Protein backbone atom coordinates (compact mmCIF):
# COMPACT_ATOMS: atom_id res chain seq x y z
CA MET A 1 69.71 -19.03 21.16
CA SER A 2 66.19 -18.72 19.72
CA ALA A 3 63.36 -17.41 21.77
CA VAL A 4 60.53 -19.78 22.61
CA THR A 5 57.11 -18.41 21.93
CA THR A 6 54.33 -19.68 24.14
CA THR A 7 50.76 -19.49 23.03
CA THR A 8 48.07 -19.12 25.62
CA VAL A 9 44.88 -21.01 24.76
CA PRO A 10 41.84 -19.24 26.15
CA ALA A 11 39.87 -21.33 28.63
CA ALA A 12 36.48 -22.55 27.53
CA PRO A 13 33.64 -20.63 29.11
CA ALA A 14 31.96 -22.37 32.01
CA ALA A 15 28.74 -24.12 31.16
CA THR A 16 25.66 -22.31 32.23
CA PRO A 17 23.11 -24.18 34.39
CA ASP A 18 20.93 -24.62 31.30
CA GLU A 19 23.80 -26.14 29.29
CA ARG A 20 24.87 -28.69 31.92
CA PRO A 21 23.86 -32.27 31.21
CA ARG A 22 20.68 -33.11 32.96
CA THR A 23 20.19 -36.43 34.69
CA ARG A 24 16.64 -37.67 34.56
CA ARG A 25 15.36 -38.13 38.06
CA ARG A 26 13.50 -41.32 38.65
CA GLY A 27 9.86 -40.78 39.49
CA LEU A 28 8.57 -41.98 42.82
CA SER A 29 4.94 -42.46 41.76
CA PRO A 30 3.68 -45.93 40.79
CA GLY A 31 3.32 -44.81 37.17
CA ARG A 32 0.44 -44.80 34.75
CA ARG A 33 -2.52 -47.02 35.42
CA LEU A 34 -2.51 -50.16 33.29
CA PRO A 35 -5.74 -51.09 31.49
CA ALA A 36 -7.60 -53.97 33.13
CA ALA A 37 -4.73 -54.37 35.59
CA ARG A 38 -6.92 -55.94 38.28
CA LEU A 39 -7.66 -58.89 36.00
CA ALA A 40 -3.99 -59.84 35.69
CA GLY A 41 -3.86 -61.66 39.03
CA PRO A 42 -7.04 -63.74 38.54
CA LEU A 43 -6.02 -64.60 34.98
CA LEU A 44 -2.61 -65.75 36.22
CA VAL A 45 -4.24 -67.99 38.83
CA LEU A 46 -6.56 -69.39 36.17
CA ALA A 47 -3.61 -70.10 33.85
CA LEU A 48 -1.68 -71.89 36.61
CA TRP A 49 -4.80 -73.88 37.52
CA ALA A 50 -5.32 -74.94 33.91
CA ALA A 51 -1.65 -75.83 33.43
CA ALA A 52 -1.55 -77.93 36.62
CA SER A 53 -4.77 -79.72 35.64
CA ALA A 54 -3.52 -80.46 32.13
CA ALA A 55 -0.23 -81.80 33.53
CA GLY A 56 -2.09 -84.12 35.91
CA ARG A 57 -0.74 -82.41 39.04
CA LEU A 58 -4.17 -81.92 40.58
CA ASP A 59 -6.57 -84.60 41.75
CA PRO A 60 -9.72 -84.19 39.60
CA ALA A 61 -11.92 -85.43 42.45
CA ALA A 62 -10.64 -82.67 44.77
CA ILE A 63 -9.89 -79.84 42.34
CA PRO A 64 -11.53 -80.33 38.93
CA ALA A 65 -10.04 -78.68 35.87
CA PRO A 66 -11.31 -75.21 34.85
CA TRP A 67 -13.05 -76.62 31.77
CA THR A 68 -14.88 -79.15 33.96
CA VAL A 69 -16.08 -76.36 36.26
CA LEU A 70 -17.13 -74.30 33.23
CA ARG A 71 -19.07 -77.22 31.77
CA THR A 72 -20.81 -77.80 35.12
CA GLY A 73 -21.69 -74.12 35.39
CA VAL A 74 -23.19 -74.07 31.91
CA HIS A 75 -25.24 -77.17 32.74
CA LEU A 76 -26.54 -75.65 36.00
CA TRP A 77 -27.42 -72.42 34.19
CA THR A 78 -29.19 -74.24 31.38
CA ASP A 79 -31.47 -76.22 33.67
CA GLY A 80 -32.32 -73.05 35.65
CA THR A 81 -30.74 -74.09 38.94
CA LEU A 82 -27.87 -71.61 38.95
CA ALA A 83 -29.95 -68.67 37.71
CA GLY A 84 -32.55 -69.10 40.47
CA ASP A 85 -29.91 -69.46 43.19
CA ILE A 86 -28.06 -66.37 41.96
CA ALA A 87 -31.27 -64.32 41.99
CA THR A 88 -32.04 -65.42 45.56
CA SER A 89 -28.51 -64.62 46.77
CA LEU A 90 -28.54 -61.20 45.10
CA GLN A 91 -31.86 -60.38 46.74
CA ARG A 92 -30.64 -61.32 50.21
CA ALA A 93 -27.36 -59.47 49.80
CA GLY A 94 -29.13 -56.42 48.35
CA TYR A 95 -31.62 -56.06 51.20
CA GLY A 96 -28.99 -56.57 53.87
CA PHE A 97 -26.56 -54.21 52.21
CA ALA A 98 -29.14 -51.43 51.81
CA ILE A 99 -30.12 -51.63 55.49
CA GLY A 100 -26.51 -51.79 56.66
CA LEU A 101 -25.46 -48.89 54.45
CA THR A 102 -28.25 -46.66 55.74
CA ALA A 103 -27.61 -47.57 59.37
CA GLY A 104 -23.85 -47.08 59.08
CA VAL A 105 -24.10 -43.63 57.50
CA VAL A 106 -26.82 -42.34 59.83
CA LEU A 107 -25.07 -43.58 62.98
CA ALA A 108 -21.71 -42.21 61.83
CA LEU A 109 -23.17 -38.75 61.18
CA ALA A 110 -25.05 -38.72 64.47
CA SER A 111 -21.93 -39.79 66.36
CA GLY A 112 -19.43 -37.68 64.45
CA LEU A 113 -21.34 -34.41 64.55
CA SER A 114 -22.54 -34.47 68.14
CA ARG A 115 -20.79 -35.22 71.41
CA THR A 116 -24.05 -36.54 72.81
CA GLY A 117 -24.46 -38.82 69.82
CA GLU A 118 -20.89 -40.02 70.17
CA ALA A 119 -21.40 -40.82 73.84
CA LEU A 120 -24.54 -42.84 73.10
CA ILE A 121 -23.55 -44.52 69.84
CA ASP A 122 -19.82 -45.02 69.51
CA GLY A 123 -19.32 -47.21 72.56
CA THR A 124 -22.24 -49.44 71.57
CA VAL A 125 -20.90 -49.89 68.04
CA GLN A 126 -17.42 -50.65 69.33
CA LEU A 127 -18.93 -53.29 71.63
CA ASN A 128 -20.84 -54.76 68.70
CA ARG A 129 -17.64 -54.81 66.65
CA ALA A 130 -15.87 -56.80 69.35
CA ILE A 131 -18.54 -59.51 69.24
CA PRO A 132 -18.15 -61.97 66.33
CA THR A 133 -21.11 -61.23 64.08
CA LEU A 134 -21.60 -64.85 63.06
CA GLY A 135 -21.74 -65.70 66.78
CA LEU A 136 -25.00 -63.75 66.93
CA ILE A 137 -26.72 -66.21 64.61
CA PRO A 138 -28.22 -68.45 67.35
CA LEU A 139 -29.59 -65.44 69.22
CA PHE A 140 -31.07 -63.89 66.08
CA ILE A 141 -32.72 -67.20 65.20
CA LEU A 142 -34.46 -67.13 68.58
CA TRP A 143 -35.52 -63.52 68.07
CA LEU A 144 -36.43 -63.47 64.37
CA GLY A 145 -37.00 -67.10 63.48
CA ILE A 146 -35.08 -69.18 61.01
CA GLY A 147 -36.47 -67.60 57.84
CA GLU A 148 -35.13 -64.80 55.67
CA THR A 149 -35.36 -62.02 58.27
CA PHE A 150 -32.46 -63.15 60.43
CA LYS A 151 -30.24 -63.66 57.37
CA ILE A 152 -30.85 -60.12 56.18
CA ALA A 153 -30.30 -58.77 59.70
CA ILE A 154 -26.92 -60.50 60.02
CA ILE A 155 -25.80 -59.21 56.63
CA ALA A 156 -26.87 -55.68 57.65
CA ILE A 157 -24.71 -55.91 60.79
CA VAL A 158 -21.74 -57.17 58.80
CA VAL A 159 -22.13 -54.21 56.42
CA TYR A 160 -22.86 -51.34 58.80
CA ILE A 161 -19.87 -51.84 61.11
CA PRO A 162 -17.06 -51.06 58.61
CA ILE A 163 -19.09 -48.26 57.05
CA TYR A 164 -19.67 -46.67 60.46
CA LEU A 165 -16.06 -47.08 61.64
CA ASN A 166 -14.44 -45.60 58.55
CA THR A 167 -16.96 -42.79 58.10
CA HIS A 168 -16.75 -41.85 61.78
CA ALA A 169 -12.94 -41.87 61.63
CA ALA A 170 -13.03 -39.61 58.57
CA LEU A 171 -15.37 -37.20 60.34
CA ALA A 172 -13.13 -37.13 63.40
CA GLY A 173 -10.12 -36.45 61.16
CA ILE A 174 -11.52 -33.27 59.57
CA ASP A 175 -9.18 -30.38 60.34
CA HIS A 176 -10.66 -28.11 62.99
CA ARG A 177 -9.46 -25.08 61.03
CA PHE A 178 -12.15 -25.82 58.44
CA VAL A 179 -14.73 -25.70 61.21
CA GLU A 180 -13.40 -22.35 62.42
CA LEU A 181 -13.39 -21.01 58.87
CA ALA A 182 -17.00 -22.10 58.40
CA GLU A 183 -17.95 -20.32 61.62
CA VAL A 184 -16.18 -17.15 60.49
CA GLN A 185 -17.97 -17.31 57.13
CA GLY A 186 -21.28 -17.72 58.94
CA LEU A 187 -22.22 -21.02 57.31
CA SER A 188 -25.47 -22.58 58.40
CA ARG A 189 -25.53 -26.09 59.85
CA ALA A 190 -26.90 -27.60 56.65
CA ARG A 191 -24.38 -25.79 54.46
CA PHE A 192 -21.54 -26.74 56.81
CA VAL A 193 -22.49 -30.40 56.51
CA ARG A 194 -22.84 -30.15 52.72
CA GLU A 195 -19.65 -28.20 51.97
CA VAL A 196 -17.27 -29.32 54.73
CA VAL A 197 -18.44 -32.51 56.41
CA VAL A 198 -19.49 -34.52 53.37
CA PRO A 199 -16.35 -33.85 51.24
CA GLY A 200 -14.14 -34.54 54.27
CA ALA A 201 -15.87 -37.81 55.11
CA LEU A 202 -16.22 -39.24 51.59
CA PRO A 203 -12.74 -40.86 51.38
CA GLY A 204 -13.32 -42.81 54.61
CA PHE A 205 -16.89 -43.61 53.60
CA PHE A 206 -15.75 -45.27 50.38
CA VAL A 207 -13.19 -47.36 52.24
CA GLY A 208 -15.95 -48.59 54.54
CA LEU A 209 -18.25 -49.12 51.57
CA ARG A 210 -15.76 -51.43 49.89
CA LEU A 211 -15.33 -53.41 53.08
CA GLY A 212 -19.10 -53.57 53.53
CA VAL A 213 -19.66 -54.88 50.00
CA THR A 214 -17.11 -57.63 50.55
CA GLY A 215 -18.55 -58.43 53.97
CA SER A 216 -22.04 -58.89 52.55
CA TRP A 217 -20.81 -61.69 50.29
CA LEU A 218 -18.74 -63.31 53.04
CA GLY A 219 -21.71 -63.37 55.41
CA LEU A 220 -23.98 -64.70 52.70
CA VAL A 221 -21.82 -67.81 52.19
CA VAL A 222 -22.42 -68.90 55.78
CA LEU A 223 -26.03 -67.79 56.15
CA GLU A 224 -27.25 -69.60 53.05
CA GLN A 225 -26.20 -72.89 54.57
CA ILE A 226 -28.59 -72.49 57.54
CA ASN A 227 -32.12 -73.74 56.88
CA ALA A 228 -32.08 -72.43 53.29
CA THR A 229 -33.79 -73.99 50.29
CA SER A 230 -32.16 -71.83 47.63
CA GLY A 231 -29.15 -69.62 47.07
CA LEU A 232 -25.53 -70.21 46.16
CA GLY A 233 -24.61 -71.25 49.68
CA TYR A 234 -27.41 -73.81 49.70
CA LEU A 235 -26.23 -75.12 46.31
CA MET A 236 -22.70 -75.56 47.66
CA PHE A 237 -23.92 -77.19 50.87
CA GLN A 238 -25.94 -79.74 48.92
CA ALA A 239 -22.96 -80.42 46.66
CA THR A 240 -20.84 -81.15 49.73
CA ASN A 241 -23.22 -83.93 50.77
CA TYR A 242 -22.81 -85.60 47.37
CA GLY A 243 -19.09 -84.92 46.93
CA GLN A 244 -19.60 -82.66 43.90
CA SER A 245 -16.46 -80.55 44.06
CA ASP A 246 -17.13 -79.08 40.61
CA VAL A 247 -20.45 -77.61 41.81
CA ILE A 248 -18.73 -76.20 44.91
CA LEU A 249 -16.13 -74.50 42.71
CA VAL A 250 -18.89 -73.11 40.51
CA GLY A 251 -20.41 -71.43 43.58
CA LEU A 252 -17.03 -70.11 44.73
CA VAL A 253 -16.26 -68.70 41.28
CA VAL A 254 -19.65 -66.95 41.14
CA TYR A 255 -19.09 -65.48 44.63
CA GLY A 256 -15.63 -64.32 43.54
CA ILE A 257 -16.97 -62.69 40.39
CA PHE A 258 -19.70 -60.91 42.33
CA GLY A 259 -17.16 -59.66 44.86
CA LEU A 260 -14.72 -58.44 42.22
CA VAL A 261 -17.39 -56.74 40.12
CA SER A 262 -19.07 -55.01 43.09
CA ASP A 263 -15.72 -53.80 44.43
CA SER A 264 -14.76 -52.52 40.98
CA VAL A 265 -18.04 -50.62 40.70
CA VAL A 266 -17.44 -48.96 44.09
CA ARG A 267 -13.89 -48.03 43.07
CA LEU A 268 -15.17 -46.55 39.79
CA VAL A 269 -17.78 -44.46 41.60
CA GLU A 270 -15.13 -43.38 44.11
CA ARG A 271 -12.80 -42.16 41.36
CA ARG A 272 -15.61 -40.20 39.75
CA VAL A 273 -16.89 -38.64 42.97
CA LEU A 274 -13.41 -37.88 44.33
CA SER A 275 -11.91 -36.79 41.02
CA TRP A 276 -10.73 -33.58 42.69
CA ARG A 277 -8.19 -35.53 44.76
CA ARG A 278 -4.64 -36.13 43.54
CA THR A 279 -3.51 -39.45 44.98
CA LEU A 280 -1.09 -42.24 44.04
CA SER A 281 -3.93 -44.29 42.59
CA SER A 282 -5.34 -41.46 40.46
């Protein structure tokens, strides 16, 4: 009987952690920023509008085709009507925005850096916020007349409220440990505001600034239809009387462009000023 020889095969060495197959973990961030991504939505709406108009799905008397609106806009610009109304609207919005921005920042700093200021200011602003701003129009007409002053004042109120609220909230949210550290380091009041308060409040300030920019255009639409003789709102109001829906859409498109451009400018400035932050949007 022959002997059976068994051969022992040596076991393969265990894989080291570096040699084990790696599974790529899916990232949780939104990904890289796409170029001109904010234009994708408006361009899609424009394409759907054009397609529906070309297919005859929209009533031209109610919603004219994009090319009709474009032709009307070119005509209004050529005869000088649109250019003059845009200049007037920009002037009103600019004055009101500048006043509202200054008031919002000053009141937020006075309220956020002082308990006395908070007691005197915050409650009043919260009460003002609870009152519909456009509901103040009749009262402001009695106080300031029906000219340009009351329009600028209403726009300033619309602007200062979101700027104040968001800046004040950002100031209140600054970690108290930074305050204690500044006291230990012996920082002066001015240096404390410059190196601790301002950087801590900037993110909230820019949120309020974006809301204030949008609010200035929203308020302007209504105000320019009250005893106005120029401006985009006046142009649209006159077009309503004559059933010119294409002129109304021209005004709405211009308002939309102004709103999108101004918001994009604020976002660009925000990214530059707050470049030290690492956020999902950066």
